[in-house]
Amino acid sequence: MPHTVALLAAASGEQGPGNTLRIVLLASLVGAVLLGWFLLRGYRNDDNND
């Protein structure tokens, strides 16, 4: 984990926080979509639960 933080700090020091913020934003959006799918799939009704 400290290696990842050091790499992100070095990358953001060279070119600003733009790329790092894009990666974090994209990962959070993908995570939110996957979490929503995982939670909402339990509410699907296949007409098998009469």
C-alpha atoms as a PDB file:
ATOM      1  CA  MET A   1       0.000   0.000   0.000  1.00  0.00           C
ATOM      2  CA  PRO A   2       2.750   2.564   0.746  1.00  0.00           C
ATOM      3  CA  HIS A   3       4.246   1.820  -2.669  1.00  0.00           C
ATOM      4  CA  THR A   4       0.966   2.689  -4.371  1.00  0.00           C
ATOM      5  CA  VAL A   5       0.692   5.956  -2.463  1.00  0.00           C
ATOM      6  CA  ALA A   6       4.277   6.844  -3.380  1.00  0.00           C
ATOM      7  CA  LEU A   7       3.638   6.089  -7.057  1.00  0.00           C
ATOM      8  CA  LEU A   8       0.465   8.181  -7.094  1.00  0.00           C
ATOM      9  CA  ALA A   9       2.260  11.043  -5.363  1.00  0.00           C
ATOM     10  CA  ALA A  10       5.121  10.897  -7.861  1.00  0.00           C
ATOM     11  CA  ALA A  11       2.733  10.790 -10.805  1.00  0.00           C
ATOM     12  CA  SER A  12       0.660  13.682  -9.524  1.00  0.00           C
ATOM     13  CA  GLY A  13       3.796  15.686  -8.805  1.00  0.00           C
ATOM     14  CA  GLU A  14       4.871  15.449 -12.416  1.00  0.00           C
ATOM     15  CA  GLN A  15       1.634  16.211 -14.235  1.00  0.00           C
ATOM     16  CA  GLY A  16      -0.822  17.525 -11.686  1.00  0.00           C
ATOM     17  CA  PRO A  17      -3.751  15.711 -10.104  1.00  0.00           C
ATOM     18  CA  GLY A  18      -5.794  15.493 -13.310  1.00  0.00           C
ATOM     19  CA  ASN A  19      -5.044  11.892 -14.288  1.00  0.00           C
ATOM     20  CA  THR A  20      -5.237  10.619 -10.719  1.00  0.00           C
ATOM     21  CA  LEU A  21      -8.603  12.295 -10.200  1.00  0.00           C
ATOM     22  CA  ARG A  22      -9.895  10.826 -13.466  1.00  0.00           C
ATOM     23  CA  ILE A  23      -8.865   7.335 -12.392  1.00  0.00           C
ATOM     24  CA  VAL A  24     -10.435   7.718  -8.947  1.00  0.00           C
ATOM     25  CA  LEU A  25     -13.641   9.124 -10.423  1.00  0.00           C
ATOM     26  CA  LEU A  26     -13.916   6.369 -13.022  1.00  0.00           C
ATOM     27  CA  ALA A  27     -13.244   3.648 -10.457  1.00  0.00           C
ATOM     28  CA  SER A  28     -15.868   5.074  -8.099  1.00  0.00           C
ATOM     29  CA  LEU A  29     -18.456   5.262 -10.882  1.00  0.00           C
ATOM     30  CA  VAL A  30     -17.802   1.661 -11.919  1.00  0.00           C
ATOM     31  CA  GLY A  31     -17.958   0.604  -8.276  1.00  0.00           C
ATOM     32  CA  ALA A  32     -21.268   2.419  -7.764  1.00  0.00           C
ATOM     33  CA  VAL A  33     -22.782   0.736 -10.832  1.00  0.00           C
ATOM     34  CA  LEU A  34     -21.615  -2.695  -9.704  1.00  0.00           C
ATOM     35  CA  LEU A  35     -22.870  -2.102  -6.163  1.00  0.00           C
ATOM     36  CA  GLY A  36     -26.255  -0.967  -7.462  1.00  0.00           C
ATOM     37  CA  TRP A  37     -26.534  -4.008  -9.711  1.00  0.00           C
ATOM     38  CA  PHE A  38     -25.558  -6.331  -6.869  1.00  0.00           C
ATOM     39  CA  LEU A  39     -28.066  -4.821  -4.455  1.00  0.00           C
ATOM     40  CA  LEU A  40     -30.949  -4.479  -6.911  1.00  0.00           C
ATOM     41  CA  ARG A  41     -30.687  -7.950  -8.410  1.00  0.00           C
ATOM     42  CA  GLY A  42     -32.184  -9.339  -5.207  1.00  0.00           C
ATOM     43  CA  TYR A  43     -35.433  -7.496  -5.963  1.00  0.00           C
ATOM     44  CA  ARG A  44     -35.898  -9.144  -9.347  1.00  0.00           C
ATOM     45  CA  ASN A  45     -39.123 -11.120  -9.591  1.00  0.00           C
ATOM     46  CA  ASP A  46     -38.900 -14.268 -11.718  1.00  0.00           C
ATOM     47  CA  ASP A  47     -42.417 -15.494 -10.782  1.00  0.00           C
ATOM     48  CA  ASN A  48     -40.808 -18.416  -8.919  1.00  0.00           C
ATOM     49  CA  ASN A  49     -41.528 -17.163  -5.399  1.00  0.00           C
ATOM     50  CA  ASP A  50     -45.299 -17.699  -5.157  1.00  0.00           C
END
